[in-house]
Structure formats: structure tokens, C-alpha cells
PDB file of N, CA and C in Angstrom:
ATOM      1  N   MET A   1      17.182   4.467  -8.602  1.00  0.00           N
ATOM      2  CA  MET A   1      17.013   3.362  -8.993  1.00  0.00           C
ATOM      3  C   MET A   1      15.729   3.389  -9.312  1.00  0.00           C
ATOM      4  N   ILE A   2      14.772   2.611 -10.303  1.00  0.00           N
ATOM      5  CA  ILE A   2      14.147   2.399 -11.288  1.00  0.00           C
ATOM      6  C   ILE A   2      13.110   1.009 -10.733  1.00  0.00           C
ATOM      7  N   ALA A   3      11.905   1.124 -10.668  1.00  0.00           N
ATOM      8  CA  ALA A   3      11.303  -0.189 -10.680  1.00  0.00           C
ATOM      9  C   ALA A   3      10.083  -0.549 -10.733  1.00  0.00           C
ATOM     10  N   ASN A   4       9.008  -0.888 -10.706  1.00  0.00           N
ATOM     11  CA  ASN A   4       7.918  -1.125 -11.286  1.00  0.00           C
ATOM     12  C   ASN A   4       7.202  -2.337  -9.986  1.00  0.00           C
ATOM     13  N   SER A   5       8.015  -2.392  -9.087  1.00  0.00           N
ATOM     14  CA  SER A   5       7.440  -3.596  -8.603  1.00  0.00           C
ATOM     15  C   SER A   5       8.182  -2.906  -6.841  1.00  0.00           C
ATOM     16  N   SER A   6       6.943  -2.490  -5.892  1.00  0.00           N
ATOM     17  CA  SER A   6       7.402  -2.544  -4.664  1.00  0.00           C
ATOM     18  C   SER A   6       8.042  -3.267  -3.763  1.00  0.00           C
ATOM     19  N   PRO A   7       7.770  -4.900  -4.114  1.00  0.00           N
ATOM     20  CA  PRO A   7       9.007  -4.907  -3.364  1.00  0.00           C
ATOM     21  C   PRO A   7       9.944  -5.723  -3.942  1.00  0.00           C
ATOM     22  N   VAL A   8      10.324  -5.223  -5.545  1.00  0.00           N
ATOM     23  CA  VAL A   8      11.557  -5.012  -5.535  1.00  0.00           C
ATOM     24  C   VAL A   8      12.520  -4.113  -4.973  1.00  0.00           C
ATOM     25  N   THR A   9      11.750  -2.651  -5.423  1.00  0.00           N
ATOM     26  CA  THR A   9      12.541  -1.244  -4.454  1.00  0.00           C
ATOM     27  C   THR A   9      12.758  -1.812  -2.657  1.00  0.00           C
ATOM     28  N   VAL A  10      11.859  -2.217  -2.334  1.00  0.00           N
ATOM     29  CA  VAL A  10      11.963  -2.723  -0.752  1.00  0.00           C
ATOM     30  C   VAL A  10      13.573  -3.452  -0.708  1.00  0.00           C
ATOM     31  N   GLU A  11      13.614  -4.095  -2.166  1.00  0.00           N
ATOM     32  CA  GLU A  11      14.568  -5.231  -1.391  1.00  0.00           C
ATOM     33  C   GLU A  11      16.183  -4.814  -1.781  1.00  0.00           C
ATOM     34  N   LEU A  12      16.012  -3.613  -2.754  1.00  0.00           N
ATOM     35  CA  LEU A  12      17.272  -3.362  -3.327  1.00  0.00           C
ATOM     36  C   LEU A  12      17.272  -1.636  -2.018  1.00  0.00           C
ATOM     37  N   ALA A  13      16.291  -1.288  -1.674  1.00  0.00           N
ATOM     38  CA  ALA A  13      16.529  -0.296  -0.752  1.00  0.00           C
ATOM     39  C   ALA A  13      17.692  -1.189   0.642  1.00  0.00           C
ATOM     40  N   ILE A  14      16.950  -2.156   0.943  1.00  0.00           N
ATOM     41  CA  ILE A  14      17.550  -3.093   1.826  1.00  0.00           C
ATOM     42  C   ILE A  14      18.600  -3.730   1.401  1.00  0.00           C
ATOM     43  N   ARG A  15      19.155  -3.351   0.714  1.00  0.00           N
ATOM     44  CA  ARG A  15      20.687  -3.865  -0.085  1.00  0.00           C
ATOM     45  C   ARG A  15      21.803  -2.685  -0.153  1.00  0.00           C
ATOM     46  N   GLY A  16      21.044  -1.325   0.467  1.00  0.00           N
ATOM     47  CA  GLY A  16      21.995   0.086   0.323  1.00  0.00           C
ATOM     48  C   GLY A  16      22.048   0.465  -0.917  1.00  0.00           C
ATOM     49  N   LEU A  17      20.702   0.049  -1.739  1.00  0.00           N
ATOM     50  CA  LEU A  17      20.816   0.764  -3.049  1.00  0.00           C
ATOM     51  C   LEU A  17      20.140   1.614  -3.692  1.00  0.00           C
ATOM     52  N   GLY A  18      19.243   2.356  -2.632  1.00  0.00           N
ATOM     53  CA  GLY A  18      18.429   3.314  -2.487  1.00  0.00           C
ATOM     54  C   GLY A  18      17.412   3.617  -1.680  1.00  0.00           C
ATOM     55  N   LEU A  19      16.665   4.899  -1.977  1.00  0.00           N
ATOM     56  CA  LEU A  19      15.295   4.757  -1.180  1.00  0.00           C
ATOM     57  C   LEU A  19      13.826   4.232  -2.447  1.00  0.00           C
ATOM     58  N   THR A  20      13.527   4.093  -1.239  1.00  0.00           N
ATOM     59  CA  THR A  20      11.882   3.706  -2.052  1.00  0.00           C
ATOM     60  C   THR A  20      10.962   4.387  -1.475  1.00  0.00           C
ATOM     61  N   TYR A  21       9.517   4.546  -2.166  1.00  0.00           N
ATOM     62  CA  TYR A  21       8.606   5.093  -1.630  1.00  0.00           C
ATOM     63  C   TYR A  21       7.627   4.044  -1.958  1.00  0.00           C
ATOM     64  N   THR A  22       6.563   3.862  -0.737  1.00  0.00           N
ATOM     65  CA  THR A  22       6.181   2.648  -1.041  1.00  0.00           C
ATOM     66  C   THR A  22       4.955   2.548  -0.042  1.00  0.00           C
ATOM     67  N   PHE A  23       4.073   1.292  -0.099  1.00  0.00           N
ATOM     68  CA  PHE A  23       3.252   1.400   1.251  1.00  0.00           C
ATOM     69  C   PHE A  23       3.869   0.486   2.120  1.00  0.00           C
ATOM     70  N   ARG A  24       3.057   0.741   3.343  1.00  0.00           N
ATOM     71  CA  ARG A  24       4.005   0.617   4.778  1.00  0.00           C
ATOM     72  C   ARG A  24       4.136  -0.900   4.723  1.00  0.00           C
ATOM     73  N   ASP A  25       3.002  -1.913   4.228  1.00  0.00           N
ATOM     74  CA  ASP A  25       2.817  -3.281   4.156  1.00  0.00           C
ATOM     75  C   ASP A  25       4.050  -3.376   3.285  1.00  0.00           C
ATOM     76  N   TYR A  26       4.415  -3.636   2.457  1.00  0.00           N
ATOM     77  CA  TYR A  26       5.568  -3.687   1.853  1.00  0.00           C
ATOM     78  C   TYR A  26       7.159  -3.834   2.993  1.00  0.00           C
ATOM     79  N   CYS A  27       7.084  -3.037   3.702  1.00  0.00           N
ATOM     80  CA  CYS A  27       8.029  -2.961   4.599  1.00  0.00           C
ATOM     81  C   CYS A  27       8.241  -3.376   5.967  1.00  0.00           C
ATOM     82  N   THR A  28       6.902  -3.441   6.234  1.00  0.00           N
ATOM     83  CA  THR A  28       6.785  -3.881   8.008  1.00  0.00           C
ATOM     84  C   THR A  28       8.091  -4.213   8.621  1.00  0.00           C
ATOM     85  N   ASP A  29       8.441  -5.215   7.591  1.00  0.00           N
ATOM     86  CA  ASP A  29       9.235  -6.562   8.012  1.00  0.00           C
ATOM     87  C   ASP A  29      10.585  -6.206   8.640  1.00  0.00           C
ATOM     88  N   ALA A  30      11.024  -4.985   7.054  1.00  0.00           N
ATOM     89  CA  ALA A  30      12.423  -4.758   6.917  1.00  0.00           C
ATOM     90  C   ALA A  30      12.186  -3.474   8.441  1.00  0.00           C
ATOM     91  N   LEU A  31      11.139  -3.101   8.952  1.00  0.00           N
ATOM     92  CA  LEU A  31      11.082  -1.619   9.412  1.00  0.00           C
ATOM     93  C   LEU A  31      11.772  -2.465  11.142  1.00  0.00           C
ATOM     94  N   ALA A  32      10.663  -3.221  11.225  1.00  0.00           N
ATOM     95  CA  ALA A  32      10.841  -3.397  12.549  1.00  0.00           C
ATOM     96  C   ALA A  32      12.286  -4.115  12.732  1.00  0.00           C
ATOM     97  N   ARG A  33      12.607  -4.717  12.055  1.00  0.00           N
ATOM     98  CA  ARG A  33      14.566  -5.685  11.850  1.00  0.00           C
ATOM     99  C   ARG A  33      15.348  -4.690  11.899  1.00  0.00           C
ATOM    100  N   GLY A  34      15.015  -3.219  11.485  1.00  0.00           N
ATOM    101  CA  GLY A  34      16.195  -1.966  11.647  1.00  0.00           C
ATOM    102  C   GLY A  34      16.987  -2.155  10.322  1.00  0.00           C
ATOM    103  N   GLU A  35      16.522  -2.748   9.014  1.00  0.00           N
ATOM    104  CA  GLU A  35      16.958  -2.713   7.773  1.00  0.00           C
ATOM    105  C   GLU A  35      16.465  -1.711   7.147  1.00  0.00           C
ATOM    106  N   LEU A  36      15.554  -1.397   7.704  1.00  0.00           N
ATOM    107  CA  LEU A  36      15.408   0.014   6.884  1.00  0.00           C
ATOM    108  C   LEU A  36      14.897   1.265   8.079  1.00  0.00           C
ATOM    109  N   VAL A  37      15.072   2.183   7.503  1.00  0.00           N
ATOM    110  CA  VAL A  37      14.290   3.223   8.698  1.00  0.00           C
ATOM    111  C   VAL A  37      13.594   4.211   7.285  1.00  0.00           C
ATOM    112  N   GLU A  38      12.487   4.758   7.853  1.00  0.00           N
ATOM    113  CA  GLU A  38      11.860   5.713   7.499  1.00  0.00           C
ATOM    114  C   GLU A  38      12.873   7.276   7.279  1.00  0.00           C
ATOM    115  N   VAL A  39      12.765   8.514   6.375  1.00  0.00           N
ATOM    116  CA  VAL A  39      13.278   9.086   6.059  1.00  0.00           C
ATOM    117  C   VAL A  39      11.932  10.088   5.360  1.00  0.00           C
ATOM    118  N   LEU A  40      11.975  11.776   5.832  1.00  0.00           N
ATOM    119  CA  LEU A  40      11.158  12.405   5.626  1.00  0.00           C
ATOM    120  C   LEU A  40       9.748  12.213   5.729  1.00  0.00           C
ATOM    121  N   THR A  41       9.585  11.912   6.864  1.00  0.00           N
ATOM    122  CA  THR A  41       8.356  11.602   7.791  1.00  0.00           C
ATOM    123  C   THR A  41       7.296  12.588   7.616  1.00  0.00           C
ATOM    124  N   GLU A  42       7.888  14.052   8.032  1.00  0.00           N
ATOM    125  CA  GLU A  42       7.203  15.191   7.716  1.00  0.00           C
ATOM    126  C   GLU A  42       6.429  15.225   6.422  1.00  0.00           C
ATOM    127  N   HIS A  43       6.714  14.893   5.289  1.00  0.00           N
ATOM    128  CA  HIS A  43       6.328  14.949   4.066  1.00  0.00           C
ATOM    129  C   HIS A  43       5.592  13.888   3.502  1.00  0.00           C
ATOM    130  N   GLN A  44       5.217  12.908   4.337  1.00  0.00           N
ATOM    131  CA  GLN A  44       4.330  11.997   3.814  1.00  0.00           C
ATOM    132  C   GLN A  44       2.640  12.266   3.509  1.00  0.00           C
ATOM    133  N   ALA A  45       2.857  11.463   2.136  1.00  0.00           N
ATOM    134  CA  ALA A  45       0.968  11.967   1.862  1.00  0.00           C
ATOM    135  C   ALA A  45       0.412  11.348   2.111  1.00  0.00           C
ATOM    136  N   PRO A  46      -0.742  11.970   2.653  1.00  0.00           N
ATOM    137  CA  PRO A  46      -1.929  11.512   3.224  1.00  0.00           C
ATOM    138  C   PRO A  46      -2.494  10.105   1.930  1.00  0.00           C
ATOM    139  N   VAL A  47      -3.211   9.036   2.559  1.00  0.00           N
ATOM    140  CA  VAL A  47      -3.449   7.856   1.822  1.00  0.00           C
ATOM    141  C   VAL A  47      -4.987   8.093   1.207  1.00  0.00           C
ATOM    142  N   PRO A  48      -4.870   8.603  -0.373  1.00  0.00           N
ATOM    143  CA  PRO A  48      -6.424   9.002  -0.134  1.00  0.00           C
ATOM    144  C   PRO A  48      -7.948   7.871  -0.688  1.00  0.00           C
ATOM    145  N   GLY A  49      -8.811   8.243  -0.152  1.00  0.00           N
ATOM    146  CA  GLY A  49      -9.562   7.028  -0.156  1.00  0.00           C
ATOM    147  C   GLY A  49     -10.274   5.890  -1.632  1.00  0.00           C
ATOM    148  N   VAL A  50     -10.810   4.679  -0.860  1.00  0.00           N
ATOM    149  CA  VAL A  50     -10.956   4.345  -1.983  1.00  0.00           C
ATOM    150  C   VAL A  50     -11.718   3.965  -2.955  1.00  0.00           C
ATOM    151  N   ASN A  51     -11.770   4.231  -4.455  1.00  0.00           N
ATOM    152  CA  ASN A  51     -12.665   4.241  -5.316  1.00  0.00           C
ATOM    153  C   ASN A  51     -12.612   2.375  -6.053  1.00  0.00           C
ATOM    154  N   ILE A  52     -14.315   2.165  -5.905  1.00  0.00           N
ATOM    155  CA  ILE A  52     -14.541   1.086  -6.781  1.00  0.00           C
ATOM    156  C   ILE A  52     -15.041   1.611  -7.961  1.00  0.00           C
ATOM    157  N   TYR A  53     -14.828   1.021  -8.738  1.00  0.00           N
ATOM    158  CA  TYR A  53     -15.953   0.960 -10.501  1.00  0.00           C
ATOM    159  C   TYR A  53     -16.285  -0.473 -10.733  1.00  0.00           C
ATOM    160  N   PHE A  54     -17.386  -0.847 -10.852  1.00  0.00           N
ATOM    161  CA  PHE A  54     -17.920  -1.822 -11.689  1.00  0.00           C
ATOM    162  C   PHE A  54     -19.037  -1.848 -12.455  1.00  0.00           C
ATOM    163  N   PRO A  55     -19.303  -2.489 -13.273  1.00  0.00           N
ATOM    164  CA  PRO A  55     -20.795  -2.597 -14.225  1.00  0.00           C
ATOM    165  C   PRO A  55     -21.932  -2.727 -13.253  1.00  0.00           C
ATOM    166  N   ARG A  56     -23.111  -1.710 -13.618  1.00  0.00           N
ATOM    167  CA  ARG A  56     -23.988  -1.373 -12.460  1.00  0.00           C
ATOM    168  C   ARG A  56     -24.477  -2.456 -12.305  1.00  0.00           C
ATOM    169  N   GLU A  57     -24.692  -3.690 -13.139  1.00  0.00           N
ATOM    170  CA  GLU A  57     -25.302  -5.201 -13.014  1.00  0.00           C
ATOM    171  C   GLU A  57     -24.651  -6.187 -12.419  1.00  0.00           C
ATOM    172  N   TYR A  58     -23.361  -5.957 -11.431  1.00  0.00           N
ATOM    173  CA  TYR A  58     -22.779  -6.424 -10.369  1.00  0.00           C
ATOM    174  C   TYR A  58     -23.226  -5.759  -9.401  1.00  0.00           C
ATOM    175  N   SER A  59     -23.637  -4.778  -9.184  1.00  0.00           N
ATOM    176  CA  SER A  59     -23.871  -4.088  -7.771  1.00  0.00           C
ATOM    177  C   SER A  59     -25.220  -5.248  -6.495  1.00  0.00           C
ATOM    178  N   THR A  60     -25.835  -6.019  -7.431  1.00  0.00           N
ATOM    179  CA  THR A  60     -26.651  -6.481  -6.616  1.00  0.00           C
ATOM    180  C   THR A  60     -26.224  -8.470  -6.398  1.00  0.00           C
ATOM    181  N   MET A  61     -24.354  -8.629  -6.832  1.00  0.00           N
ATOM    182  CA  MET A  61     -23.810  -9.412  -6.648  1.00  0.00           C
ATOM    183  C   MET A  61     -23.476  -9.642  -5.059  1.00  0.00           C
ATOM    184  N   LEU A  62     -23.769 -10.790  -4.464  1.00  0.00           N
ATOM    185  CA  LEU A  62     -23.311 -10.485  -3.120  1.00  0.00           C
ATOM    186  C   LEU A  62     -22.001 -10.995  -2.784  1.00  0.00           C
ATOM    187  N   PRO A  63     -20.576 -10.877  -2.696  1.00  0.00           N
ATOM    188  CA  PRO A  63     -19.697 -11.117  -3.190  1.00  0.00           C
ATOM    189  C   PRO A  63     -19.172  -9.580  -3.074  1.00  0.00           C
ATOM    190  N   LEU A  64     -19.456  -8.618  -3.660  1.00  0.00           N
ATOM    191  CA  LEU A  64     -19.221  -7.398  -4.216  1.00  0.00           C
ATOM    192  C   LEU A  64     -19.721  -6.645  -3.197  1.00  0.00           C
ATOM    193  N   ARG A  65     -20.723  -7.005  -2.824  1.00  0.00           N
ATOM    194  CA  ARG A  65     -21.774  -5.961  -1.811  1.00  0.00           C
ATOM    195  C   ARG A  65     -20.713  -6.029  -0.695  1.00  0.00           C
ATOM    196  N   LEU A  66     -20.664  -7.767  -0.318  1.00  0.00           N
ATOM    197  CA  LEU A  66     -19.724  -8.236   0.939  1.00  0.00           C
ATOM    198  C   LEU A  66     -18.820  -6.755   1.072  1.00  0.00           C
ATOM    199  N   PHE A  67     -17.461  -7.111   0.258  1.00  0.00           N
ATOM    200  CA  PHE A  67     -16.345  -6.535  -0.158  1.00  0.00           C
ATOM    201  C   PHE A  67     -16.948  -4.835   0.341  1.00  0.00           C
ATOM    202  N   ILE A  68     -17.680  -4.383  -0.209  1.00  0.00           N
ATOM    203  CA  ILE A  68     -17.369  -2.981  -0.306  1.00  0.00           C
ATOM    204  C   ILE A  68     -18.185  -2.302   0.755  1.00  0.00           C
ATOM    205  N   ASP A  69     -19.121  -3.738   1.381  1.00  0.00           N
ATOM    206  CA  ASP A  69     -19.671  -3.031   2.909  1.00  0.00           C
ATOM    207  C   ASP A  69     -17.941  -3.026   3.838  1.00  0.00           C
ATOM    208  N   HIS A  70     -17.476  -4.170   3.557  1.00  0.00           N
ATOM    209  CA  HIS A  70     -16.081  -4.689   4.699  1.00  0.00           C
ATOM    210  C   HIS A  70     -15.040  -3.306   4.273  1.00  0.00           C
ATOM    211  N   LEU A  71     -14.963  -2.658   3.133  1.00  0.00           N
ATOM    212  CA  LEU A  71     -14.360  -1.715   2.851  1.00  0.00           C
ATOM    213  C   LEU A  71     -15.033  -0.468   3.790  1.00  0.00           C
ATOM    214  N   LYS A  72     -15.913   0.138   3.692  1.00  0.00           N
ATOM    215  CA  LYS A  72     -16.567   1.137   4.383  1.00  0.00           C
ATOM    216  C   LYS A  72     -16.591   0.734   5.940  1.00  0.00           C
ATOM    217  N   GLU A  73     -16.820  -0.597   6.204  1.00  0.00           N
ATOM    218  CA  GLU A  73     -16.619  -0.161   8.282  1.00  0.00           C
ATOM    219  C   GLU A  73     -14.902  -0.312   8.522  1.00  0.00           C
ATOM    220  N   ASN A  74     -14.078  -0.977   7.684  1.00  0.00           N
ATOM    221  CA  ASN A  74     -12.590  -0.674   7.848  1.00  0.00           C
ATOM    222  C   ASN A  74     -12.069   0.077   7.662  1.00  0.00           C
ATOM    223  N   ARG A  75     -12.864   1.292   6.321  1.00  0.00           N
ATOM    224  CA  ARG A  75     -11.706   2.441   6.850  1.00  0.00           C
ATOM    225  C   ARG A  75     -11.008   3.261   7.503  1.00  0.00           C
ATOM    226  N   GLY A  76     -10.020   4.141   7.071  1.00  0.00           N
ATOM    227  CA  GLY A  76      -9.405   4.177   8.298  1.00  0.00           C
ATOM    228  C   GLY A  76      -8.593   5.871   7.904  1.00  0.00           C
TER     229      GLY A  76
END
């Protein structure tokens, strides 16, 4: 199956039409309900860090600063 939307690939996998490689957030409920099972867990790639790119003049904007601080405090 080929699709450019993770929710679509999850739905197709639930229907038994293939495998999907996606973020856990898109399939947590389906995994909990037993509609999906994880395979090849020993080959899961680590999630890389977050990179944020923005124009220099945005660095003093309070909403952006708060968002960056939130990301720094909650990286896991």
C-alpha cells in the first residue's frame, strides 16, 4: 500500500490491507483495542531530535519563545 497520510495507512492496516510505519500517536487506540499489533520492534528506528528553523527577527516573539522552552523541557 502506498499513501501519503499516516491516518490513512493506519486505517488500511486495520482493514488488513498491509503494514504501516507511522508514529505511535496515530495508532495508540488501535493497538490498545487489538486491531493492530507491532511487528519488527527490534528494528524500530530511534526518533531524532526536533529542529526548529525561523527568521532571526522571530526569536524575540513570546509565543515562539514559550514554544521552544516547552520543547526543551519536554524532550524525551
